[in-house]
Protein backbone atom coordinates (compact mmCIF):
# COMPACT_ATOMS: atom_id res chain seq x y z
CA MET A 1 98.34 109.17 109.53
CA ASP A 2 98.89 109.98 113.34
CA PHE A 3 101.28 108.18 114.95
CA VAL A 4 101.78 108.42 118.54
CA ILE A 5 103.39 106.59 121.22
CA LYS A 6 101.61 105.90 124.57
CA VAL A 7 102.57 104.46 127.85
CA GLY A 8 100.02 101.74 129.68
CA ASN A 9 98.95 98.01 129.49
CA ALA A 10 95.74 97.15 127.34
CA GLU A 11 94.04 96.80 130.61
CA LYS A 12 92.84 100.43 131.10
CA GLN A 13 93.12 101.73 127.41
CA ARG A 14 90.11 102.45 125.42
CA GLY A 15 89.79 103.15 120.92
CA ALA A 16 88.43 102.04 118.20
CA CYS A 17 90.76 98.79 118.22
CA ALA A 18 93.33 96.74 120.27
CA VAL A 19 95.40 94.27 118.56
CA VAL A 20 96.40 91.34 120.42
CA GLY A 21 98.41 88.52 119.99
CA VAL A 22 98.44 84.82 120.01
CA PHE A 23 101.37 82.54 119.87
CA ASP A 24 101.05 79.12 117.65
CA SER A 25 98.85 76.15 119.63
CA ARG A 26 96.90 79.16 121.34
CA LYS A 27 99.60 80.95 123.36
CA LEU A 28 98.08 84.37 124.54
CA ALA A 29 100.94 87.20 124.18
CA ASN A 30 100.94 89.70 127.04
CA SER A 31 98.46 91.92 126.40
CA ALA A 32 95.78 89.21 125.25
CA LYS A 33 96.41 88.11 128.63
CA ILE A 34 95.64 90.85 129.99
CA LEU A 35 92.19 91.54 127.19
CA ASP A 36 91.56 87.79 129.15
CA LYS A 37 91.39 88.22 132.50
CA ALA A 38 89.37 91.85 132.25
CA SER A 39 86.95 89.50 129.78
CA GLN A 40 86.93 86.44 132.76
CA GLY A 41 88.76 84.24 130.29
CA TYR A 42 86.18 85.53 127.05
CA ILE A 43 88.88 85.14 124.18
CA ARG A 44 90.76 81.68 125.69
CA ASN A 45 87.18 80.19 125.17
CA LEU A 46 86.93 81.56 122.22
CA LEU A 47 89.97 79.96 120.95
CA THR A 48 88.91 76.74 122.45
CA LEU A 49 86.38 76.68 119.61
CA GLY A 50 89.26 76.10 117.04
CA ASP A 51 88.37 79.28 114.62
CA MET A 52 92.57 80.66 115.65
CA GLU A 53 95.49 78.28 116.50
CA GLY A 54 97.86 81.12 116.57
CA LYS A 55 99.53 80.69 112.76
CA VAL A 56 101.42 83.69 111.70
CA GLY A 57 99.82 86.30 109.93
CA THR A 58 96.39 85.11 110.71
CA CYS A 59 93.22 87.26 112.39
CA LEU A 60 90.50 86.97 113.94
CA LEU A 61 88.12 90.76 115.27
CA LEU A 62 86.21 90.34 117.78
CA HIS A 63 83.56 93.09 118.79
CA HIS A 64 82.16 94.14 121.61
CA VAL A 65 84.76 92.14 124.40
CA PRO A 66 83.60 91.95 127.38
CA GLY A 67 85.02 93.98 130.69
CA THR A 68 87.53 96.16 127.83
CA LEU A 69 87.52 99.40 126.47
CA PHE A 70 87.78 98.52 123.14
CA LYS A 71 85.24 99.03 120.35
CA ARG A 72 87.14 95.76 118.61
CA VAL A 73 90.16 93.47 119.37
CA LEU A 74 91.86 92.03 116.90
CA LEU A 75 93.63 88.86 117.57
CA VAL A 76 96.49 88.04 115.42
CA GLY A 77 98.87 84.82 114.46
CA LEU A 78 102.22 85.43 115.71
CA GLY A 79 103.08 82.23 115.01
CA LYS A 80 105.55 79.64 116.71
CA GLU A 81 107.00 82.26 120.26
CA GLN A 82 110.54 81.15 119.61
CA GLU A 83 110.75 81.42 115.37
CA PHE A 84 108.99 85.16 116.36
CA ASN A 85 111.66 87.46 114.19
CA GLU A 86 112.37 91.23 111.90
CA LYS A 87 110.64 88.93 109.03
CA SER A 88 107.79 88.23 111.20
CA LEU A 89 106.81 91.32 112.30
CA GLN A 90 106.86 93.04 109.11
CA GLY A 91 104.14 90.14 107.90
CA VAL A 92 101.91 90.48 110.91
CA ILE A 93 101.97 94.32 109.86
CA GLY A 94 100.70 94.39 106.36
CA SER A 95 98.17 91.63 107.84
CA ILE A 96 96.55 93.33 110.85
CA LEU A 97 96.60 96.28 107.93
CA SER A 98 95.20 94.20 105.26
CA THR A 99 91.98 92.77 107.95
CA LEU A 100 91.94 96.75 109.19
CA GLN A 101 91.05 97.88 106.05
CA LYS A 102 87.81 96.06 105.14
CA THR A 103 86.64 97.41 108.83
CA GLY A 104 85.66 101.18 109.36
CA VAL A 105 88.58 101.53 112.23
CA THR A 106 90.20 105.09 112.51
CA ASP A 107 92.58 104.43 115.66
CA VAL A 108 94.20 100.98 116.32
CA ALA A 109 96.12 100.15 119.29
CA LEU A 110 99.58 97.68 119.32
CA PHE A 111 101.06 96.89 122.18
CA LEU A 112 104.55 96.36 121.43
CA SER A 113 105.41 93.84 123.87
CA ASP A 114 103.75 91.45 122.16
CA PHE A 115 106.23 91.63 119.40
CA SER A 116 108.93 90.09 121.61
CA MET A 117 111.76 88.95 119.43
CA LYS A 118 115.52 88.49 120.30
CA ARG A 119 118.00 92.25 120.37
CA SER A 120 114.76 93.84 118.64
CA THR A 121 114.08 97.22 120.58
CA ASN A 122 110.97 99.14 121.57
CA ASP A 123 112.52 101.80 118.93
CA TRP A 124 113.40 99.06 116.45
CA LYS A 125 110.24 98.38 116.56
CA VAL A 126 108.18 101.75 116.28
CA CYS A 127 110.42 102.44 113.09
CA GLN A 128 109.73 99.06 111.59
CA ILE A 129 105.74 99.75 112.02
CA VAL A 130 105.80 103.17 111.49
CA ILE A 131 107.60 102.15 107.39
CA GLN A 132 104.90 99.11 106.72
CA VAL A 133 101.77 101.53 107.98
CA VAL A 134 102.37 104.61 105.27
CA GLY A 135 103.96 102.04 102.51
CA SER A 136 100.73 99.54 103.06
CA ASN A 137 98.75 103.37 102.37
CA TYR A 138 100.60 104.45 99.51
CA ARG A 139 99.05 104.31 95.96
CA PHE A 140 100.07 105.84 92.71
CA ASP A 141 97.05 106.83 90.46
CA ARG A 142 96.99 110.30 90.04
CA LEU A 143 97.55 109.48 86.35
CA LYS A 144 93.90 108.08 86.42
CA SER A 145 90.93 110.55 85.55
CA ASN A 146 89.25 108.40 88.80
CA PRO A 147 91.52 107.18 90.78
CA ASP A 148 90.93 103.68 92.60
CA ASP A 149 88.60 104.60 95.71
CA GLU A 150 90.32 102.10 98.00
CA THR A 151 91.17 104.50 101.30
CA SER A 152 91.97 103.14 104.52
CA SER A 153 88.91 104.57 107.29
CA LEU A 154 92.11 104.04 109.72
CA ARG A 155 93.24 107.68 110.43
CA LYS A 156 95.57 107.28 113.53
CA VAL A 157 98.44 104.45 115.39
CA ILE A 158 98.88 104.07 118.55
CA CYS A 159 102.66 102.49 119.94
CA TYR A 160 101.99 101.07 123.87
CA ILE A 161 104.81 101.18 125.23
CA GLU A 162 105.09 99.42 128.45
CA ASN A 163 108.39 101.65 130.07
CA ARG A 164 107.98 105.53 130.17
CA ALA A 165 111.89 105.31 130.73
CA GLU A 166 111.37 103.94 126.64
CA LEU A 167 108.68 107.69 125.56
CA GLU A 168 111.78 109.79 124.46
CA VAL A 169 113.85 107.19 121.85
CA CYS A 170 109.95 105.81 120.27
CA GLU A 171 109.30 109.56 120.15
CA ARG A 172 112.28 110.28 118.01
CA ALA A 173 112.26 106.06 115.71
CA MET A 174 109.06 107.29 115.23
CA HIS A 175 109.55 110.55 112.98
CA GLN A 176 112.76 108.38 111.74
CA GLY A 177 109.88 105.91 110.21
CA LEU A 178 108.10 108.89 109.51
CA ALA A 179 110.66 110.58 107.41
CA ILE A 180 112.18 107.56 105.65
CA ALA A 181 108.74 106.43 104.66
CA GLN A 182 108.22 109.80 103.34
CA GLY A 183 111.38 109.64 101.32
CA MET A 184 109.93 105.91 100.04
CA ASN A 185 107.12 108.12 98.94
CA LEU A 186 108.99 110.10 96.92
CA ALA A 187 111.44 107.79 95.49
CA LYS A 188 108.64 105.48 94.59
CA ASP A 189 106.48 108.27 92.73
CA LEU A 190 109.75 108.79 90.79
CA GLY A 191 109.91 105.28 89.76
CA ASN A 192 106.08 105.10 89.19
CA LEU A 193 105.96 108.12 86.50
CA ALA A 194 105.31 107.64 82.65
CA PRO A 195 108.96 108.44 81.27
CA ASN A 196 107.52 110.37 78.60
CA ILE A 197 106.84 112.81 82.12
CA CYS A 198 109.41 111.84 84.56
CA THR A 199 112.17 113.19 82.26
CA PRO A 200 115.92 114.57 83.17
CA THR A 201 114.35 118.12 83.24
CA TYR A 202 111.64 116.71 85.78
CA LEU A 203 113.94 114.78 87.87
CA ALA A 204 116.22 118.03 88.05
CA LYS A 205 113.09 120.13 88.78
CA GLN A 206 112.08 117.95 92.05
CA ALA A 207 115.43 118.49 92.83
CA LYS A 208 114.96 121.91 92.92
CA ASP A 209 111.99 122.12 94.42
CA LEU A 210 113.13 119.62 97.33
CA ALA A 211 115.48 122.42 97.83
CA LYS A 212 113.48 124.83 97.91
CA SER A 213 111.44 123.11 101.10
CA HIS A 214 114.79 121.18 102.83
CA LYS A 215 117.35 123.08 103.98
CA ILE A 216 119.33 121.63 100.91
CA LYS A 217 121.15 122.90 97.86
CA ALA A 218 120.86 122.72 93.97
CA ASP A 219 122.92 123.55 91.05
CA VAL A 220 121.64 121.65 88.25
CA LEU A 221 124.31 121.66 84.96
CA ASP A 222 123.81 121.21 81.86
CA GLU A 223 124.96 119.90 79.33
CA LYS A 224 127.57 122.79 78.02
CA ASP A 225 128.12 122.35 81.19
CA MET A 226 129.05 118.54 81.31
CA GLU A 227 131.38 119.31 78.34
CA LYS A 228 133.63 121.34 79.73
CA LEU A 229 134.65 118.92 82.76
CA GLY A 230 135.27 117.31 79.55
CA MET A 231 132.03 114.41 80.23
CA GLY A 232 132.40 112.68 77.45
CA SER A 233 131.49 109.16 78.83
CA LEU A 234 128.32 110.55 80.48
CA LEU A 235 127.58 112.65 76.92
CA SER A 236 128.22 110.02 74.58
CA VAL A 237 124.98 108.12 76.29
CA ALA A 238 122.76 111.17 75.92
CA GLN A 239 123.98 112.05 72.62
CA GLY A 240 120.68 109.81 70.53
CA SER A 241 118.10 111.56 72.49
CA HIS A 242 116.01 114.57 72.20
CA GLU A 243 116.00 115.22 75.95
CA PRO A 244 118.53 117.20 77.08
CA ALA A 245 121.36 115.33 79.83
CA LYS A 246 121.47 116.95 83.21
CA LEU A 247 124.43 116.56 86.13
CA ILE A 248 122.23 117.37 89.49
CA VAL A 249 123.81 118.09 92.24
CA LEU A 250 122.56 118.37 96.45
CA GLU A 251 124.17 119.15 99.01
CA TYR A 252 122.79 118.90 102.60
CA TYR A 253 125.03 120.24 106.03
CA GLY A 254 123.85 119.34 108.90
CA LEU A 255 127.51 119.83 110.20
CA GLU A 256 130.06 122.24 109.22
CA LYS A 257 130.71 122.62 105.92
CA LYS A 258 134.60 121.98 106.52
CA ASP A 259 133.38 118.96 107.97
CA ASN A 260 134.07 115.82 104.81
CA PRO A 261 130.46 114.83 103.54
CA TYR A 262 129.67 111.43 102.40
CA VAL A 263 128.03 111.22 99.14
CA LEU A 264 125.44 109.28 97.01
CA VAL A 265 125.23 108.35 93.49
CA GLY A 266 122.59 107.69 91.97
CA LYS A 267 121.61 105.86 88.18
CA GLY A 268 119.51 108.35 86.61
CA VAL A 269 118.37 107.09 82.96
CA THR A 270 115.31 108.24 82.31
CA PHE A 271 114.08 105.60 80.25
CA ASP A 272 116.46 102.93 78.53
CA THR A 273 115.39 101.40 75.07
CA GLY A 274 119.16 99.93 74.70
CA GLY A 275 120.71 102.16 72.35
CA ILE A 276 121.70 101.04 69.13
CA SER A 277 121.47 97.78 71.16
CA LEU A 278 118.26 98.12 71.46
CA LYS A 279 116.62 95.76 73.98
CA PRO A 280 113.73 92.93 73.11
CA ALA A 281 110.16 94.74 73.53
CA ALA A 282 108.47 92.88 76.02
CA ASP A 283 108.91 94.53 79.61
CA MET A 284 110.52 97.19 77.94
CA ASP A 285 108.58 99.91 79.85
CA GLU A 286 109.72 98.63 83.45
CA MET A 287 113.00 100.35 81.31
CA LYS A 288 111.72 103.90 83.19
CA PHE A 289 112.42 102.42 87.16
CA ASP A 290 116.24 102.48 84.87
CA MET A 291 116.25 106.03 87.38
CA SER A 292 115.37 104.39 90.48
CA GLY A 293 118.70 105.18 91.61
CA ALA A 294 118.13 108.60 91.24
CA GLY A 295 115.35 108.24 93.16
CA SER A 296 116.71 106.48 95.77
CA VAL A 297 119.26 109.76 96.66
CA LEU A 298 116.57 111.92 96.57
CA GLY A 299 114.81 110.08 98.95
CA THR A 300 117.04 109.44 100.87
CA LEU A 301 117.99 113.72 101.48
CA TYR A 302 114.73 114.22 101.83
CA ALA A 303 114.86 111.70 104.28
CA VAL A 304 118.26 112.91 106.05
CA ALA A 305 116.86 116.90 105.73
CA ALA A 306 113.65 115.59 107.28
CA MET A 307 115.62 114.13 109.78
CA LYS A 308 117.58 117.01 110.31
CA LEU A 309 121.18 114.63 111.22
CA PRO A 310 123.98 116.00 111.92
CA ILE A 311 125.83 114.63 108.74
CA ASN A 312 126.80 116.17 106.30
CA VAL A 313 125.91 114.21 102.14
CA ILE A 314 126.61 115.14 98.83
CA GLY A 315 123.68 114.02 96.21
CA ILE A 316 125.02 113.69 92.85
CA ILE A 317 122.43 111.94 89.91
CA PRO A 318 123.52 112.05 86.08
CA THR A 319 120.69 111.48 83.95
CA THR A 320 120.10 111.11 80.46
CA GLU A 321 117.84 108.65 78.39
CA ASN A 322 119.09 105.99 76.56
CA MET A 323 117.66 105.95 72.94
CA PRO A 324 118.35 105.27 69.37
CA SER A 325 119.03 107.25 66.76
CA GLY A 326 120.89 108.64 63.30
CA LYS A 327 122.87 110.05 66.47
CA ALA A 328 123.30 107.66 68.90
CA THR A 329 126.67 106.02 70.48
CA LYS A 330 126.74 102.65 67.76
CA PRO A 331 128.69 99.80 69.64
CA GLY A 332 132.76 100.06 68.66
CA ASP A 333 133.26 103.66 69.53
CA VAL A 334 135.57 105.24 71.21
CA VAL A 335 134.81 107.99 73.77
CA THR A 336 137.50 110.21 76.86
CA SER A 337 135.38 109.69 80.63
CA MET A 338 136.34 112.83 82.38
CA SER A 339 139.09 111.32 84.07
CA GLY A 340 140.95 110.98 80.71
CA GLN A 341 140.20 107.68 80.43
CA THR A 342 139.91 105.73 77.68
CA ILE A 343 136.18 103.14 77.03
CA GLU A 344 135.16 101.17 73.76
CA ILE A 345 131.25 100.75 74.02
CA LEU A 346 131.01 97.99 73.15
CA ASN A 347 127.26 96.98 73.97
CA THR A 348 125.21 100.42 74.06
CA ASP A 349 122.59 98.18 76.98
CA ALA A 350 125.47 98.90 79.65
CA GLU A 351 124.82 102.86 79.59
CA GLY A 352 123.92 102.99 83.53
CA ARG A 353 128.33 102.79 84.34
CA LEU A 354 129.08 105.02 80.85
CA ILE A 355 127.02 107.81 82.87
CA LEU A 356 127.82 106.77 86.36
CA CYS A 357 132.04 106.62 86.21
CA ASP A 358 131.61 110.65 85.21
CA ALA A 359 129.19 111.32 88.14
CA LEU A 360 132.08 109.45 90.35
CA THR A 361 134.84 111.10 89.25
CA TYR A 362 133.19 113.99 89.66
CA ALA A 363 132.26 113.31 93.62
CA GLU A 364 135.95 113.94 94.19
CA ARG A 365 135.80 117.78 94.45
CA PHE A 366 133.37 116.88 96.65
CA GLN A 367 136.53 115.14 99.63
CA PRO A 368 134.06 112.78 100.69
CA LYS A 369 134.66 110.31 103.15
CA ALA A 370 132.68 107.30 101.58
CA VAL A 371 131.01 107.69 98.23
CA ILE A 372 127.97 104.63 97.40
CA ASP A 373 126.81 104.57 93.98
CA ILE A 374 122.93 102.83 93.61
CA ALA A 375 122.08 101.99 90.52
CA THR A 376 119.71 99.22 87.88
CA LEU A 377 122.43 97.97 86.25
CA THR A 378 122.55 94.60 85.44
CA GLY A 379 120.01 91.87 84.69
CA ALA A 380 123.06 89.61 86.43
CA CYS A 381 122.12 90.75 89.24
CA VAL A 382 118.64 89.61 89.08
CA ILE A 383 119.78 86.24 88.21
CA ALA A 384 122.32 85.88 90.51
CA LEU A 385 119.87 87.31 94.24
CA GLY A 386 116.49 87.85 93.04
CA ASN A 387 114.31 90.54 93.87
CA PHE A 388 114.51 90.00 96.94
CA THR A 389 118.51 90.94 97.85
CA SER A 390 120.47 93.87 96.65
CA GLY A 391 124.14 93.42 95.70
CA LEU A 392 127.26 95.38 97.08
CA MET A 393 131.04 95.80 96.00
CA GLY A 394 133.04 98.28 97.56
CA ASN A 395 136.87 99.10 97.35
CA ASN A 396 136.81 99.14 101.55
CA ASP A 397 135.90 96.28 103.44
CA ASP A 398 134.21 98.39 106.63
CA LEU A 399 132.24 100.27 104.52
CA VAL A 400 130.96 97.53 103.23
CA GLU A 401 130.18 95.79 106.90
CA GLU A 402 128.59 98.87 107.70
CA LEU A 403 126.19 99.08 104.91
CA LEU A 404 125.82 95.25 104.75
CA ALA A 405 124.82 96.09 108.92
CA ALA A 406 122.97 99.09 107.72
CA GLY A 407 120.32 97.07 105.21
CA GLU A 408 120.16 94.38 107.83
CA LYS A 409 118.94 96.12 110.58
CA ILE A 410 116.49 97.77 108.73
CA GLY A 411 115.07 95.29 106.86
CA ASP A 412 116.07 95.74 103.47
CA ARG A 413 119.30 94.06 103.16
CA ALA A 414 121.90 93.32 100.34
CA TRP A 415 124.47 90.95 100.01
CA GLN A 416 128.96 91.45 99.07
CA LEU A 417 130.06 89.83 95.86
CA PRO A 418 134.03 89.91 95.61
CA LEU A 419 135.51 91.49 93.43
CA TRP A 420 138.81 90.73 92.76
CA ASP A 421 141.95 91.73 90.97
CA GLU A 422 141.30 88.70 89.01
CA TYR A 423 137.29 90.32 87.30
CA GLN A 424 139.32 92.95 86.15
CA ASP A 425 140.78 90.68 83.10
CA LEU A 426 137.16 90.86 81.12
CA LEU A 427 137.28 94.51 80.50
CA LYS A 428 139.88 94.27 78.58
CA SER A 429 140.05 96.46 74.41
CA ASN A 430 142.28 96.30 72.12
CA PHE A 431 141.78 99.78 70.85
CA ALA A 432 141.01 101.56 74.69
CA ASP A 433 141.35 101.43 77.97
CA MET A 434 138.54 99.71 79.01
CA ALA A 435 135.55 97.90 77.04
CA ASN A 436 132.12 99.35 78.59
CA ILE A 437 131.70 95.48 78.62
CA GLY A 438 132.69 92.45 79.75
CA GLY A 439 130.27 88.92 78.61
CA ARG A 440 128.14 86.71 79.91
CA ALA A 441 129.94 85.75 83.27
CA ALA A 442 130.51 87.25 85.96
CA GLY A 443 128.77 90.19 84.77
CA THR A 444 127.62 92.36 87.76
CA ILE A 445 131.05 92.01 89.56
CA SER A 446 132.96 93.05 86.18
CA ALA A 447 130.79 96.50 85.80
CA ALA A 448 131.52 96.74 89.55
CA CYS A 449 135.21 96.87 88.44
CA PHE A 450 134.50 99.19 85.61
CA LEU A 451 133.42 102.31 87.72
CA SER A 452 136.21 101.03 90.96
CA ARG A 453 138.31 102.15 87.95
CA PHE A 454 137.25 105.85 88.30
CA THR A 455 137.68 105.37 92.57
CA LYS A 456 141.09 105.16 93.38
CA LYS A 457 140.72 108.76 95.27
CA TYR A 458 138.48 107.73 98.28
CA ARG A 459 136.24 104.74 99.93
CA TRP A 460 133.39 103.24 97.47
CA ALA A 461 130.43 100.45 97.62
CA HIS A 462 128.55 100.03 95.12
CA LEU A 463 125.08 99.15 95.12
CA ASP A 464 122.96 96.80 92.39
CA ILE A 465 119.53 97.47 92.87
CA ALA A 466 118.39 95.58 89.29
CA GLY A 467 116.45 93.18 91.30
CA THR A 468 115.44 95.09 94.19
CA ALA A 469 114.08 98.63 92.76
CA TRP A 470 111.08 97.75 91.48
CA LYS A 471 108.91 94.83 91.31
CA SER A 472 107.23 93.26 87.95
CA GLY A 473 103.51 91.35 86.92
CA LYS A 474 100.31 92.69 88.36
CA ASP A 475 101.81 94.52 91.63
CA LYS A 476 104.31 96.31 88.80
CA GLY A 477 105.61 99.82 90.63
CA SER A 478 108.82 100.69 92.19
CA THR A 479 109.30 99.15 95.79
CA GLY A 480 111.18 102.62 96.98
CA ARG A 481 114.25 100.41 98.44
CA PRO A 482 117.06 101.16 99.18
CA VAL A 483 116.47 104.31 100.62
CA PRO A 484 115.66 101.76 103.99
CA LEU A 485 119.53 100.64 103.81
CA LEU A 486 120.88 103.97 102.99
CA CYS A 487 118.88 106.34 105.62
CA GLN A 488 120.01 103.63 107.84
CA PHE A 489 123.73 103.72 107.09
CA LEU A 490 123.38 107.74 106.95
CA MET A 491 121.61 107.29 110.28
CA THR A 492 124.22 105.22 111.95
CA GLN A 493 126.96 107.43 110.95
CA SER A 494 125.83 110.23 112.11
CA GLN A 495 125.95 109.53 115.34
CA VAL A 496 129.48 107.88 115.15
CA ASN A 497 129.70 110.84 114.17
CA SER A 498 128.64 112.76 116.32
């Protein structure tokens, strides 16, 4: 898919299809007015017949509109003008692409002046459009012997702006959007792969391949290396599986190495049975998505390298399977983490925090500006926030606010939950420094409390993506989130620190 930014209005352009907006009650947006004038009222006359009111997301495709240079004109409903917002734009772009997929349109012209919103600039719109278009074309059919033939004929998207002074910033936003979308696709691919393919060893190979093709250094620690480091908590999860655990470390330097990095830690449980605390059989296939935190780290590092951001970023991925066997960890076992703290494992299905805590301790060696861990950690987060919003907690209010703002800006939102000292009491153990679960109440918060005990030496935030990393049902598959949020955060930090 090619993306192009051009300066101009609808009157003098030509192509396969122009998209122009209609607000509710048949009010024409700017570009629609221009084409209507060129056609001597043809568009307005059609609307008076009642074929379209302008309800948000509705579409009406016109052919050979007189006086215009486009073969087709697609009218798209924008809803009430004062209510059109960022969420509306995402839905409208989806409707446009769905309509055009049923045609032979090869190129489409979008006029950004039609999508008028408070606080949203043209470069933001360009970035969102690119992410939406690339995402709509995503298909995962590589494991099918006869892939579905649902390819669209659309090959080029042209975004028109009116002010030439905005051309450079919009072109930069286009490249950023493309990098983010491709990073999301990488995360989706890894999440959607079958768990007999996407193993810890496979993830390690993907990391090395990424490093070879981009300005990234990759290092993979095996179980013997982790034993030497004292990562007893991580290794306790791996001991029930025949697949060896790995600790993947990716290093991207967009600045001098002396500049302290941001560290992303992604949970990489490539399949989670629950271990001895076995999960119910229903929907257990979806536990292949339990490595989505790892996928988001790889996708984000890809995007950061593609954008060549002036920032240093480290990705740490503890990856293993969680399987039941004669060697598997048992409820009641006590293990010693890399930090030296001991953990009583009351539930082997609370394994994500056990591999993350050692990775968070390992992160100390990089003297980070901040550490963000990303994990499909708790079903409680899905109950609290549903499938729309990621949970967010941390030990630094400024860092949390920066992440919330990044999510709001890019449309990949998170919501802060409390991390007060009172919740720490839930993790008390009679036999170790802490238990790995805190009971049913406040499960998302107690999981973050557990992780917080390993993050005393730096600014830290935790993203629980259990509800947002994948979809169930007929549209089952990875979403690629929170790659956009992480990318926007790092883009903002690179501007602040440059």
